[in-house]
Amino acid sequence: MSNLNLEFIKTNVSDDPDFIKELLEVFLNSLDTDVPALEAAIEKGEHDGIRKAAHKVKSGFRSLGMEEMTTYLQELEDMGKQEKPLEEIELKYKGFLDGLPEVKSEVRGFID
């Protein structure tokens, strides 16, 4: 697993396998609403919305110790705050989206 950091979760959150599964299910469910909100803000060109949505999505990744995805989202948050050109934001968002299926697969693999 290159994204899911079970040692981080066990050390910083809980080492109870059932609780970890619940936590990961909540994480996956939050992605279903939070990522589309980020995408909508990008499509509308709302820099403050991008900042807020990226921050919200980032929180879930950071709490699970997923450093690479957290970095993408921190950069998106910063780009929204700095009102960077939308082309740059869209490119960074594409990098985030490219990694998302692998993250979801790893998380589902642990849950199942």
PDB file of N, CA and C in Angstrom:
ATOM      1  N   MET A   1       0.846  -1.189   0.000  1.00  0.00           N
ATOM      2  CA  MET A   1       0.000   0.000   0.000  1.00  0.00           C
ATOM      3  C   MET A   1       0.883   1.242   0.000  1.00  0.00           C
ATOM      4  N   SER A   2       0.621   2.117  -0.940  1.00  0.00           N
ATOM      5  CA  SER A   2       1.448   3.312  -1.006  1.00  0.00           C
ATOM      6  C   SER A   2       0.746   4.544  -0.454  1.00  0.00           C
ATOM      7  N   ASN A   3      -0.554   4.492  -0.240  1.00  0.00           N
ATOM      8  CA  ASN A   3      -1.285   5.644   0.285  1.00  0.00           C
ATOM      9  C   ASN A   3      -1.771   5.422   1.716  1.00  0.00           C
ATOM     10  N   LEU A   4      -2.440   4.321   1.924  1.00  0.00           N
ATOM     11  CA  LEU A   4      -3.017   4.029   3.233  1.00  0.00           C
ATOM     12  C   LEU A   4      -1.906   3.714   4.228  1.00  0.00           C
ATOM     13  N   ASN A   5      -1.799   4.520   5.242  1.00  0.00           N
ATOM     14  CA  ASN A   5      -0.725   4.404   6.225  1.00  0.00           C
ATOM     15  C   ASN A   5      -1.304   3.840   7.527  1.00  0.00           C
ATOM     16  N   LEU A   6      -1.391   2.534   7.588  1.00  0.00           N
ATOM     17  CA  LEU A   6      -1.999   1.883   8.755  1.00  0.00           C
ATOM     18  C   LEU A   6      -1.206   2.132  10.033  1.00  0.00           C
ATOM     19  N   GLU A   7       0.100   2.196   9.924  1.00  0.00           N
ATOM     20  CA  GLU A   7       0.910   2.471  11.124  1.00  0.00           C
ATOM     21  C   GLU A   7       0.587   3.848  11.682  1.00  0.00           C
ATOM     22  N   PHE A   8       0.417   4.835  10.809  1.00  0.00           N
ATOM     23  CA  PHE A   8       0.040   6.175  11.248  1.00  0.00           C
ATOM     24  C   PHE A   8      -1.306   6.128  11.975  1.00  0.00           C
ATOM     25  N   ILE A   9      -2.266   5.434  11.380  1.00  0.00           N
ATOM     26  CA  ILE A   9      -3.609   5.344  11.974  1.00  0.00           C
ATOM     27  C   ILE A   9      -3.541   4.647  13.330  1.00  0.00           C
ATOM     28  N   LYS A  10      -2.820   3.533  13.393  1.00  0.00           N
ATOM     29  CA  LYS A  10      -2.715   2.777  14.646  1.00  0.00           C
ATOM     30  C   LYS A  10      -2.032   3.594  15.739  1.00  0.00           C
ATOM     31  N   THR A  11      -1.045   4.384  15.369  1.00  0.00           N
ATOM     32  CA  THR A  11      -0.295   5.184  16.340  1.00  0.00           C
ATOM     33  C   THR A  11      -1.058   6.438  16.757  1.00  0.00           C
ATOM     34  N   ASN A  12      -1.720   7.088  15.800  1.00  0.00           N
ATOM     35  CA  ASN A  12      -2.310   8.399  16.062  1.00  0.00           C
ATOM     36  C   ASN A  12      -3.821   8.404  16.254  1.00  0.00           C
ATOM     37  N   VAL A  13      -4.478   7.321  15.858  1.00  0.00           N
ATOM     38  CA  VAL A  13      -5.945   7.317  15.949  1.00  0.00           C
ATOM     39  C   VAL A  13      -6.418   6.162  16.827  1.00  0.00           C
ATOM     40  N   SER A  14      -6.199   4.946  16.346  1.00  0.00           N
ATOM     41  CA  SER A  14      -6.660   3.762  17.079  1.00  0.00           C
ATOM     42  C   SER A  14      -6.022   2.525  16.472  1.00  0.00           C
ATOM     43  N   ASP A  15      -5.840   1.518  17.290  1.00  0.00           N
ATOM     44  CA  ASP A  15      -5.343   0.251  16.757  1.00  0.00           C
ATOM     45  C   ASP A  15      -6.443  -0.814  16.742  1.00  0.00           C
ATOM     46  N   ASP A  16      -7.684  -0.390  16.975  1.00  0.00           N
ATOM     47  CA  ASP A  16      -8.837  -1.283  16.940  1.00  0.00           C
ATOM     48  C   ASP A  16      -9.263  -1.481  15.478  1.00  0.00           C
ATOM     49  N   PRO A  17      -9.109  -2.694  14.932  1.00  0.00           N
ATOM     50  CA  PRO A  17      -9.432  -2.933  13.520  1.00  0.00           C
ATOM     51  C   PRO A  17     -10.866  -2.544  13.144  1.00  0.00           C
ATOM     52  N   ASP A  18     -11.827  -2.793  14.028  1.00  0.00           N
ATOM     53  CA  ASP A  18     -13.217  -2.450  13.727  1.00  0.00           C
ATOM     54  C   ASP A  18     -13.395  -0.933  13.636  1.00  0.00           C
ATOM     55  N   PHE A  19     -12.758  -0.218  14.557  1.00  0.00           N
ATOM     56  CA  PHE A  19     -12.840   1.246  14.521  1.00  0.00           C
ATOM     57  C   PHE A  19     -12.160   1.786  13.270  1.00  0.00           C
ATOM     58  N   ILE A  20     -11.030   1.219  12.899  1.00  0.00           N
ATOM     59  CA  ILE A  20     -10.321   1.659  11.700  1.00  0.00           C
ATOM     60  C   ILE A  20     -11.206   1.457  10.468  1.00  0.00           C
ATOM     61  N   LYS A  21     -11.884   0.324  10.402  1.00  0.00           N
ATOM     62  CA  LYS A  21     -12.786   0.081   9.272  1.00  0.00           C
ATOM     63  C   LYS A  21     -13.903   1.119   9.230  1.00  0.00           C
ATOM     64  N   GLU A  22     -14.484   1.430  10.371  1.00  0.00           N
ATOM     65  CA  GLU A  22     -15.527   2.454  10.428  1.00  0.00           C
ATOM     66  C   GLU A  22     -14.991   3.803   9.981  1.00  0.00           C
ATOM     67  N   LEU A  23     -13.814   4.143  10.459  1.00  0.00           N
ATOM     68  CA  LEU A  23     -13.172   5.403  10.099  1.00  0.00           C
ATOM     69  C   LEU A  23     -12.954   5.487   8.592  1.00  0.00           C
ATOM     70  N   LEU A  24     -12.496   4.395   8.010  1.00  0.00           N
ATOM     71  CA  LEU A  24     -12.236   4.381   6.571  1.00  0.00           C
ATOM     72  C   LEU A  24     -13.529   4.438   5.767  1.00  0.00           C
ATOM     73  N   GLU A  25     -14.587   3.848   6.274  1.00  0.00           N
ATOM     74  CA  GLU A  25     -15.885   3.950   5.598  1.00  0.00           C
ATOM     75  C   GLU A  25     -16.390   5.386   5.610  1.00  0.00           C
ATOM     76  N   VAL A  26     -16.233   6.066   6.728  1.00  0.00           N
ATOM     77  CA  VAL A  26     -16.619   7.477   6.822  1.00  0.00           C
ATOM     78  C   VAL A  26     -15.783   8.298   5.841  1.00  0.00           C
ATOM     79  N   PHE A  27     -14.489   8.008   5.793  1.00  0.00           N
ATOM     80  CA  PHE A  27     -13.594   8.701   4.869  1.00  0.00           C
ATOM     81  C   PHE A  27     -14.070   8.543   3.428  1.00  0.00           C
ATOM     82  N   LEU A  28     -14.357   7.308   3.008  1.00  0.00           N
ATOM     83  CA  LEU A  28     -14.827   7.082   1.635  1.00  0.00           C
ATOM     84  C   LEU A  28     -16.137   7.805   1.363  1.00  0.00           C
ATOM     85  N   ASN A  29     -17.056   7.744   2.312  1.00  0.00           N
ATOM     86  CA  ASN A  29     -18.339   8.429   2.131  1.00  0.00           C
ATOM     87  C   ASN A  29     -18.163   9.930   2.009  1.00  0.00           C
ATOM     88  N   SER A  30     -17.237  10.491   2.780  1.00  0.00           N
ATOM     89  CA  SER A  30     -17.007  11.939   2.716  1.00  0.00           C
ATOM     90  C   SER A  30     -16.436  12.339   1.361  1.00  0.00           C
ATOM     91  N   LEU A  31     -15.641  11.462   0.760  1.00  0.00           N
ATOM     92  CA  LEU A  31     -15.092  11.768  -0.564  1.00  0.00           C
ATOM     93  C   LEU A  31     -16.200  11.928  -1.596  1.00  0.00           C
ATOM     94  N   ASP A  32     -17.275  11.155  -1.439  1.00  0.00           N
ATOM     95  CA  ASP A  32     -18.377  11.195  -2.398  1.00  0.00           C
ATOM     96  C   ASP A  32     -19.085  12.543  -2.426  1.00  0.00           C
ATOM     97  N   THR A  33     -19.000  13.305  -1.349  1.00  0.00           N
ATOM     98  CA  THR A  33     -19.621  14.631  -1.334  1.00  0.00           C
ATOM     99  C   THR A  33     -18.590  15.756  -1.402  1.00  0.00           C
ATOM    100  N   ASP A  34     -17.457  15.562  -0.749  1.00  0.00           N
ATOM    101  CA  ASP A  34     -16.469  16.640  -0.658  1.00  0.00           C
ATOM    102  C   ASP A  34     -15.690  16.863  -1.950  1.00  0.00           C
ATOM    103  N   VAL A  35     -15.344  15.793  -2.647  1.00  0.00           N
ATOM    104  CA  VAL A  35     -14.592  15.956  -3.899  1.00  0.00           C
ATOM    105  C   VAL A  35     -15.456  16.641  -4.970  1.00  0.00           C
ATOM    106  N   PRO A  36     -16.724  16.259  -5.147  1.00  0.00           N
ATOM    107  CA  PRO A  36     -17.558  16.990  -6.103  1.00  0.00           C
ATOM    108  C   PRO A  36     -17.722  18.486  -5.745  1.00  0.00           C
ATOM    109  N   ALA A  37     -17.728  18.798  -4.459  1.00  0.00           N
ATOM    110  CA  ALA A  37     -17.812  20.204  -4.054  1.00  0.00           C
ATOM    111  C   ALA A  37     -16.556  20.961  -4.481  1.00  0.00           C
ATOM    112  N   LEU A  38     -15.406  20.316  -4.356  1.00  0.00           N
ATOM    113  CA  LEU A  38     -14.155  20.926  -4.803  1.00  0.00           C
ATOM    114  C   LEU A  38     -14.179  21.108  -6.312  1.00  0.00           C
ATOM    115  N   GLU A  39     -14.613  20.092  -7.010  1.00  0.00           N
ATOM    116  CA  GLU A  39     -14.682  20.175  -8.472  1.00  0.00           C
ATOM    117  C   GLU A  39     -15.631  21.283  -8.919  1.00  0.00           C
ATOM    118  N   ALA A  40     -16.755  21.413  -8.248  1.00  0.00           N
ATOM    119  CA  ALA A  40     -17.719  22.464  -8.598  1.00  0.00           C
ATOM    120  C   ALA A  40     -17.122  23.853  -8.389  1.00  0.00           C
ATOM    121  N   ALA A  41     -16.387  24.032  -7.309  1.00  0.00           N
ATOM    122  CA  ALA A  41     -15.745  25.326  -7.049  1.00  0.00           C
ATOM    123  C   ALA A  41     -14.720  25.642  -8.128  1.00  0.00           C
ATOM    124  N   ILE A  42     -13.996  24.630  -8.567  1.00  0.00           N
ATOM    125  CA  ILE A  42     -13.009  24.833  -9.632  1.00  0.00           C
ATOM    126  C   ILE A  42     -13.722  25.192 -10.933  1.00  0.00           C
ATOM    127  N   GLU A  43     -14.779  24.457 -11.253  1.00  0.00           N
ATOM    128  CA  GLU A  43     -15.527  24.722 -12.484  1.00  0.00           C
ATOM    129  C   GLU A  43     -16.118  26.126 -12.498  1.00  0.00           C
ATOM    130  N   LYS A  44     -16.522  26.613 -11.343  1.00  0.00           N
ATOM    131  CA  LYS A  44     -17.095  27.963 -11.241  1.00  0.00           C
ATOM    132  C   LYS A  44     -16.025  29.042 -11.134  1.00  0.00           C
ATOM    133  N   GLY A  45     -14.782  28.629 -10.899  1.00  0.00           N
ATOM    134  CA  GLY A  45     -13.701  29.598 -10.755  1.00  0.00           C
ATOM    135  C   GLY A  45     -13.772  30.387  -9.465  1.00  0.00           C
ATOM    136  N   GLU A  46     -14.314  29.765  -8.426  1.00  0.00           N
ATOM    137  CA  GLU A  46     -14.467  30.430  -7.126  1.00  0.00           C
ATOM    138  C   GLU A  46     -13.258  30.109  -6.250  1.00  0.00           C
ATOM    139  N   HIS A  47     -12.315  31.032  -6.213  1.00  0.00           N
ATOM    140  CA  HIS A  47     -11.077  30.775  -5.482  1.00  0.00           C
ATOM    141  C   HIS A  47     -11.311  30.514  -3.992  1.00  0.00           C
ATOM    142  N   ASP A  48     -12.211  31.260  -3.378  1.00  0.00           N
ATOM    143  CA  ASP A  48     -12.461  31.029  -1.954  1.00  0.00           C
ATOM    144  C   ASP A  48     -13.132  29.673  -1.739  1.00  0.00           C
ATOM    145  N   GLY A  49     -14.013  29.301  -2.645  1.00  0.00           N
ATOM    146  CA  GLY A  49     -14.643  27.986  -2.572  1.00  0.00           C
ATOM    147  C   GLY A  49     -13.637  26.867  -2.766  1.00  0.00           C
ATOM    148  N   ILE A  50     -12.674  27.087  -3.661  1.00  0.00           N
ATOM    149  CA  ILE A  50     -11.608  26.110  -3.882  1.00  0.00           C
ATOM    150  C   ILE A  50     -10.806  25.944  -2.597  1.00  0.00           C
ATOM    151  N   ARG A  51     -10.449  27.056  -1.999  1.00  0.00           N
ATOM    152  CA  ARG A  51      -9.668  27.030  -0.754  1.00  0.00           C
ATOM    153  C   ARG A  51     -10.393  26.243   0.324  1.00  0.00           C
ATOM    154  N   LYS A  52     -11.657  26.567   0.523  1.00  0.00           N
ATOM    155  CA  LYS A  52     -12.436  25.914   1.584  1.00  0.00           C
ATOM    156  C   LYS A  52     -12.656  24.428   1.306  1.00  0.00           C
ATOM    157  N   ALA A  53     -13.010  24.105   0.068  1.00  0.00           N
ATOM    158  CA  ALA A  53     -13.283  22.704  -0.271  1.00  0.00           C
ATOM    159  C   ALA A  53     -12.005  21.865  -0.200  1.00  0.00           C
ATOM    160  N   ALA A  54     -10.887  22.414  -0.690  1.00  0.00           N
ATOM    161  CA  ALA A  54      -9.620  21.672  -0.629  1.00  0.00           C
ATOM    162  C   ALA A  54      -9.221  21.430   0.824  1.00  0.00           C
ATOM    163  N   HIS A  55      -9.450  22.418   1.667  1.00  0.00           N
ATOM    164  CA  HIS A  55      -9.126  22.274   3.088  1.00  0.00           C
ATOM    165  C   HIS A  55      -9.954  21.145   3.720  1.00  0.00           C
ATOM    166  N   LYS A  56     -11.224  21.104   3.369  1.00  0.00           N
ATOM    167  CA  LYS A  56     -12.102  20.080   3.932  1.00  0.00           C
ATOM    168  C   LYS A  56     -11.681  18.682   3.477  1.00  0.00           C
ATOM    169  N   VAL A  57     -11.397  18.530   2.191  1.00  0.00           N
ATOM    170  CA  VAL A  57     -10.973  17.225   1.680  1.00  0.00           C
ATOM    171  C   VAL A  57      -9.632  16.840   2.292  1.00  0.00           C
ATOM    172  N   LYS A  58      -8.737  17.813   2.408  1.00  0.00           N
ATOM    173  CA  LYS A  58      -7.395  17.574   2.946  1.00  0.00           C
ATOM    174  C   LYS A  58      -7.451  17.011   4.360  1.00  0.00           C
ATOM    175  N   SER A  59      -8.387  17.465   5.145  1.00  0.00           N
ATOM    176  CA  SER A  59      -8.478  17.028   6.539  1.00  0.00           C
ATOM    177  C   SER A  59      -8.611  15.517   6.658  1.00  0.00           C
ATOM    178  N   GLY A  60      -9.422  14.928   5.806  1.00  0.00           N
ATOM    179  CA  GLY A  60      -9.598  13.471   5.846  1.00  0.00           C
ATOM    180  C   GLY A  60      -8.321  12.730   5.498  1.00  0.00           C
ATOM    181  N   PHE A  61      -7.641  13.191   4.468  1.00  0.00           N
ATOM    182  CA  PHE A  61      -6.393  12.550   4.065  1.00  0.00           C
ATOM    183  C   PHE A  61      -5.320  12.719   5.128  1.00  0.00           C
ATOM    184  N   ARG A  62      -5.234  13.913   5.681  1.00  0.00           N
ATOM    185  CA  ARG A  62      -4.201  14.171   6.684  1.00  0.00           C
ATOM    186  C   ARG A  62      -4.438  13.338   7.934  1.00  0.00           C
ATOM    187  N   SER A  63      -5.698  13.189   8.339  1.00  0.00           N
ATOM    188  CA  SER A  63      -5.984  12.427   9.555  1.00  0.00           C
ATOM    189  C   SER A  63      -5.647  10.949   9.400  1.00  0.00           C
ATOM    190  N   LEU A  64      -5.500  10.486   8.147  1.00  0.00           N
ATOM    191  CA  LEU A  64      -5.150   9.092   7.883  1.00  0.00           C
ATOM    192  C   LEU A  64      -3.685   8.944   7.486  1.00  0.00           C
ATOM    193  N   GLY A  65      -2.942  10.040   7.522  1.00  0.00           N
ATOM    194  CA  GLY A  65      -1.508   9.982   7.240  1.00  0.00           C
ATOM    195  C   GLY A  65      -1.169   9.797   5.773  1.00  0.00           C
ATOM    196  N   MET A  66      -2.073  10.189   4.889  1.00  0.00           N
ATOM    197  CA  MET A  66      -1.827  10.055   3.447  1.00  0.00           C
ATOM    198  C   MET A  66      -1.125  11.314   2.949  1.00  0.00           C
ATOM    199  N   GLU A  67       0.188  11.301   3.056  1.00  0.00           N
ATOM    200  CA  GLU A  67       0.986  12.506   2.837  1.00  0.00           C
ATOM    201  C   GLU A  67       0.946  13.034   1.410  1.00  0.00           C
ATOM    202  N   GLU A  68       1.056  12.164   0.421  1.00  0.00           N
ATOM    203  CA  GLU A  68       1.091  12.641  -0.970  1.00  0.00           C
ATOM    204  C   GLU A  68      -0.208  13.352  -1.344  1.00  0.00           C
ATOM    205  N   MET A  69      -1.329  12.758  -1.006  1.00  0.00           N
ATOM    206  CA  MET A  69      -2.613  13.375  -1.336  1.00  0.00           C
ATOM    207  C   MET A  69      -2.835  14.639  -0.498  1.00  0.00           C
ATOM    208  N   THR A  70      -2.380  14.612   0.746  1.00  0.00           N
ATOM    209  CA  THR A  70      -2.475  15.800   1.591  1.00  0.00           C
ATOM    210  C   THR A  70      -1.702  16.953   0.961  1.00  0.00           C
ATOM    211  N   THR A  71      -0.547  16.657   0.395  1.00  0.00           N
ATOM    212  CA  THR A  71       0.264  17.690  -0.254  1.00  0.00           C
ATOM    213  C   THR A  71      -0.471  18.282  -1.450  1.00  0.00           C
ATOM    214  N   TYR A  72      -1.062  17.439  -2.291  1.00  0.00           N
ATOM    215  CA  TYR A  72      -1.847  17.945  -3.426  1.00  0.00           C
ATOM    216  C   TYR A  72      -2.925  18.901  -2.939  1.00  0.00           C
ATOM    217  N   LEU A  73      -3.638  18.495  -1.916  1.00  0.00           N
ATOM    218  CA  LEU A  73      -4.754  19.293  -1.427  1.00  0.00           C
ATOM    219  C   LEU A  73      -4.291  20.570  -0.744  1.00  0.00           C
ATOM    220  N   GLN A  74      -3.155  20.528  -0.047  1.00  0.00           N
ATOM    221  CA  GLN A  74      -2.603  21.739   0.552  1.00  0.00           C
ATOM    222  C   GLN A  74      -2.230  22.729  -0.552  1.00  0.00           C
ATOM    223  N   GLU A  75      -1.649  22.221  -1.623  1.00  0.00           N
ATOM    224  CA  GLU A  75      -1.290  23.091  -2.741  1.00  0.00           C
ATOM    225  C   GLU A  75      -2.537  23.680  -3.393  1.00  0.00           C
ATOM    226  N   LEU A  76      -3.588  22.884  -3.549  1.00  0.00           N
ATOM    227  CA  LEU A  76      -4.843  23.410  -4.089  1.00  0.00           C
ATOM    228  C   LEU A  76      -5.432  24.477  -3.171  1.00  0.00           C
ATOM    229  N   GLU A  77      -5.389  24.214  -1.880  1.00  0.00           N
ATOM    230  CA  GLU A  77      -5.883  25.193  -0.909  1.00  0.00           C
ATOM    231  C   GLU A  77      -5.097  26.495  -1.035  1.00  0.00           C
ATOM    232  N   ASP A  78      -3.779  26.390  -1.098  1.00  0.00           N
ATOM    233  CA  ASP A  78      -2.931  27.577  -1.224  1.00  0.00           C
ATOM    234  C   ASP A  78      -3.188  28.308  -2.536  1.00  0.00           C
ATOM    235  N   MET A  79      -3.391  27.551  -3.607  1.00  0.00           N
ATOM    236  CA  MET A  79      -3.658  28.165  -4.911  1.00  0.00           C
ATOM    237  C   MET A  79      -4.975  28.928  -4.894  1.00  0.00           C
ATOM    238  N   GLY A  80      -5.965  28.372  -4.197  1.00  0.00           N
ATOM    239  CA  GLY A  80      -7.227  29.082  -4.059  1.00  0.00           C
ATOM    240  C   GLY A  80      -7.046  30.369  -3.270  1.00  0.00           C
ATOM    241  N   LYS A  81      -6.302  30.280  -2.199  1.00  0.00           N
ATOM    242  CA  LYS A  81      -6.049  31.452  -1.348  1.00  0.00           C
ATOM    243  C   LYS A  81      -5.295  32.530  -2.111  1.00  0.00           C
ATOM    244  N   GLN A  82      -4.331  32.110  -2.923  1.00  0.00           N
ATOM    245  CA  GLN A  82      -3.501  33.054  -3.673  1.00  0.00           C
ATOM    246  C   GLN A  82      -4.134  33.477  -5.004  1.00  0.00           C
ATOM    247  N   GLU A  83      -5.323  32.955  -5.271  1.00  0.00           N
ATOM    248  CA  GLU A  83      -6.056  33.239  -6.504  1.00  0.00           C
ATOM    249  C   GLU A  83      -5.203  33.001  -7.747  1.00  0.00           C
ATOM    250  N   LYS A  84      -4.592  31.835  -7.761  1.00  0.00           N
ATOM    251  CA  LYS A  84      -3.775  31.432  -8.905  1.00  0.00           C
ATOM    252  C   LYS A  84      -4.666  31.230 -10.128  1.00  0.00           C
ATOM    253  N   PRO A  85      -4.074  31.279 -11.322  1.00  0.00           N
ATOM    254  CA  PRO A  85      -4.872  31.047 -12.540  1.00  0.00           C
ATOM    255  C   PRO A  85      -5.560  29.687 -12.504  1.00  0.00           C
ATOM    256  N   LEU A  86      -6.777  29.653 -13.003  1.00  0.00           N
ATOM    257  CA  LEU A  86      -7.561  28.419 -12.960  1.00  0.00           C
ATOM    258  C   LEU A  86      -6.894  27.283 -13.729  1.00  0.00           C
ATOM    259  N   GLU A  87      -6.149  27.593 -14.766  1.00  0.00           N
ATOM    260  CA  GLU A  87      -5.460  26.553 -15.524  1.00  0.00           C
ATOM    261  C   GLU A  87      -4.474  25.803 -14.615  1.00  0.00           C
ATOM    262  N   GLU A  88      -3.774  26.535 -13.765  1.00  0.00           N
ATOM    263  CA  GLU A  88      -2.828  25.909 -12.836  1.00  0.00           C
ATOM    264  C   GLU A  88      -3.572  25.061 -11.804  1.00  0.00           C
ATOM    265  N   ILE A  89      -4.674  25.592 -11.317  1.00  0.00           N
ATOM    266  CA  ILE A  89      -5.480  24.867 -10.329  1.00  0.00           C
ATOM    267  C   ILE A  89      -6.031  23.589 -10.944  1.00  0.00           C
ATOM    268  N   GLU A  90      -6.535  23.690 -12.172  1.00  0.00           N
ATOM    269  CA  GLU A  90      -7.086  22.513 -12.839  1.00  0.00           C
ATOM    270  C   GLU A  90      -6.028  21.436 -13.049  1.00  0.00           C
ATOM    271  N   LEU A  91      -4.807  21.842 -13.385  1.00  0.00           N
ATOM    272  CA  LEU A  91      -3.725  20.891 -13.573  1.00  0.00           C
ATOM    273  C   LEU A  91      -3.382  20.174 -12.264  1.00  0.00           C
ATOM    274  N   LYS A  92      -3.315  20.935 -11.179  1.00  0.00           N
ATOM    275  CA  LYS A  92      -3.033  20.344  -9.862  1.00  0.00           C
ATOM    276  C   LYS A  92      -4.181  19.413  -9.463  1.00  0.00           C
ATOM    277  N   TYR A  93      -5.409  19.820  -9.717  1.00  0.00           N
ATOM    278  CA  TYR A  93      -6.575  18.998  -9.391  1.00  0.00           C
ATOM    279  C   TYR A  93      -6.542  17.683 -10.170  1.00  0.00           C
ATOM    280  N   LYS A  94      -6.131  17.746 -11.441  1.00  0.00           N
ATOM    281  CA  LYS A  94      -6.024  16.533 -12.243  1.00  0.00           C
ATOM    282  C   LYS A  94      -5.026  15.566 -11.604  1.00  0.00           C
ATOM    283  N   GLY A  95      -3.909  16.080 -11.091  1.00  0.00           N
ATOM    284  CA  GLY A  95      -2.943  15.219 -10.413  1.00  0.00           C
ATOM    285  C   GLY A  95      -3.548  14.543  -9.201  1.00  0.00           C
ATOM    286  N   PHE A  96      -4.349  15.298  -8.462  1.00  0.00           N
ATOM    287  CA  PHE A  96      -5.051  14.731  -7.306  1.00  0.00           C
ATOM    288  C   PHE A  96      -6.018  13.637  -7.764  1.00  0.00           C
ATOM    289  N   LEU A  97      -6.814  13.944  -8.795  1.00  0.00           N
ATOM    290  CA  LEU A  97      -7.793  12.971  -9.289  1.00  0.00           C
ATOM    291  C   LEU A  97      -7.132  11.705  -9.816  1.00  0.00           C
ATOM    292  N   ASP A  98      -5.962  11.856 -10.423  1.00  0.00           N
ATOM    293  CA  ASP A  98      -5.256  10.686 -10.952  1.00  0.00           C
ATOM    294  C   ASP A  98      -4.896   9.697  -9.837  1.00  0.00           C
ATOM    295  N   GLY A  99      -4.626  10.205  -8.633  1.00  0.00           N
ATOM    296  CA  GLY A  99      -4.266   9.337  -7.515  1.00  0.00           C
ATOM    297  C   GLY A  99      -5.447   8.803  -6.733  1.00  0.00           C
ATOM    298  N   LEU A 100      -6.614   9.380  -6.941  1.00  0.00           N
ATOM    299  CA  LEU A 100      -7.783   9.024  -6.135  1.00  0.00           C
ATOM    300  C   LEU A 100      -8.250   7.573  -6.301  1.00  0.00           C
ATOM    301  N   PRO A 101      -8.288   7.019  -7.512  1.00  0.00           N
ATOM    302  CA  PRO A 101      -8.736   5.620  -7.630  1.00  0.00           C
ATOM    303  C   PRO A 101      -7.857   4.646  -6.842  1.00  0.00           C
ATOM    304  N   GLU A 102      -6.561   4.875  -6.830  1.00  0.00           N
ATOM    305  CA  GLU A 102      -5.664   3.995  -6.079  1.00  0.00           C
ATOM    306  C   GLU A 102      -5.942   4.085  -4.579  1.00  0.00           C
ATOM    307  N   VAL A 103      -6.167   5.310  -4.097  1.00  0.00           N
ATOM    308  CA  VAL A 103      -6.490   5.502  -2.679  1.00  0.00           C
ATOM    309  C   VAL A 103      -7.765   4.748  -2.332  1.00  0.00           C
ATOM    310  N   LYS A 104      -8.797   4.950  -3.133  1.00  0.00           N
ATOM    311  CA  LYS A 104     -10.079   4.289  -2.864  1.00  0.00           C
ATOM    312  C   LYS A 104      -9.929   2.770  -2.895  1.00  0.00           C
ATOM    313  N   SER A 105      -9.159   2.280  -3.835  1.00  0.00           N
ATOM    314  CA  SER A 105      -8.943   0.840  -3.945  1.00  0.00           C
ATOM    315  C   SER A 105      -8.229   0.300  -2.702  1.00  0.00           C
ATOM    316  N   GLU A 106      -7.213   0.997  -2.234  1.00  0.00           N
ATOM    317  CA  GLU A 106      -6.492   0.548  -1.047  1.00  0.00           C
ATOM    318  C   GLU A 106      -7.395   0.557   0.189  1.00  0.00           C
ATOM    319  N   VAL A 107      -8.186   1.608   0.319  1.00  0.00           N
ATOM    320  CA  VAL A 107      -9.078   1.713   1.473  1.00  0.00           C
ATOM    321  C   VAL A 107     -10.138   0.622   1.425  1.00  0.00           C
ATOM    322  N   ARG A 108     -10.741   0.427   0.252  1.00  0.00           N
ATOM    323  CA  ARG A 108     -11.754  -0.630   0.122  1.00  0.00           C
ATOM    324  C   ARG A 108     -11.134  -2.002   0.385  1.00  0.00           C
ATOM    325  N   GLY A 109      -9.895  -2.185  -0.070  1.00  0.00           N
ATOM    326  CA  GLY A 109      -9.202  -3.456   0.147  1.00  0.00           C
ATOM    327  C   GLY A 109      -9.034  -3.754   1.627  1.00  0.00           C
ATOM    328  N   PHE A 110      -8.767  -2.723   2.415  1.00  0.00           N
ATOM    329  CA  PHE A 110      -8.628  -2.934   3.858  1.00  0.00           C
ATOM    330  C   PHE A 110      -9.985  -3.201   4.497  1.00  0.00           C
ATOM    331  N   ILE A 111     -11.001  -2.472   4.076  1.00  0.00           N
ATOM    332  CA  ILE A 111     -12.343  -2.630   4.652  1.00  0.00           C
ATOM    333  C   ILE A 111     -12.874  -4.039   4.361  1.00  0.00           C
ATOM    334  N   ASP A 112     -12.668  -4.492   3.159  1.00  0.00           N
ATOM    335  CA  ASP A 112     -13.180  -5.812   2.762  1.00  0.00           C
ATOM    336  C   ASP A 112     -12.267  -6.887   3.303  1.00  0.00           C
TER     337      ASP A 112
END
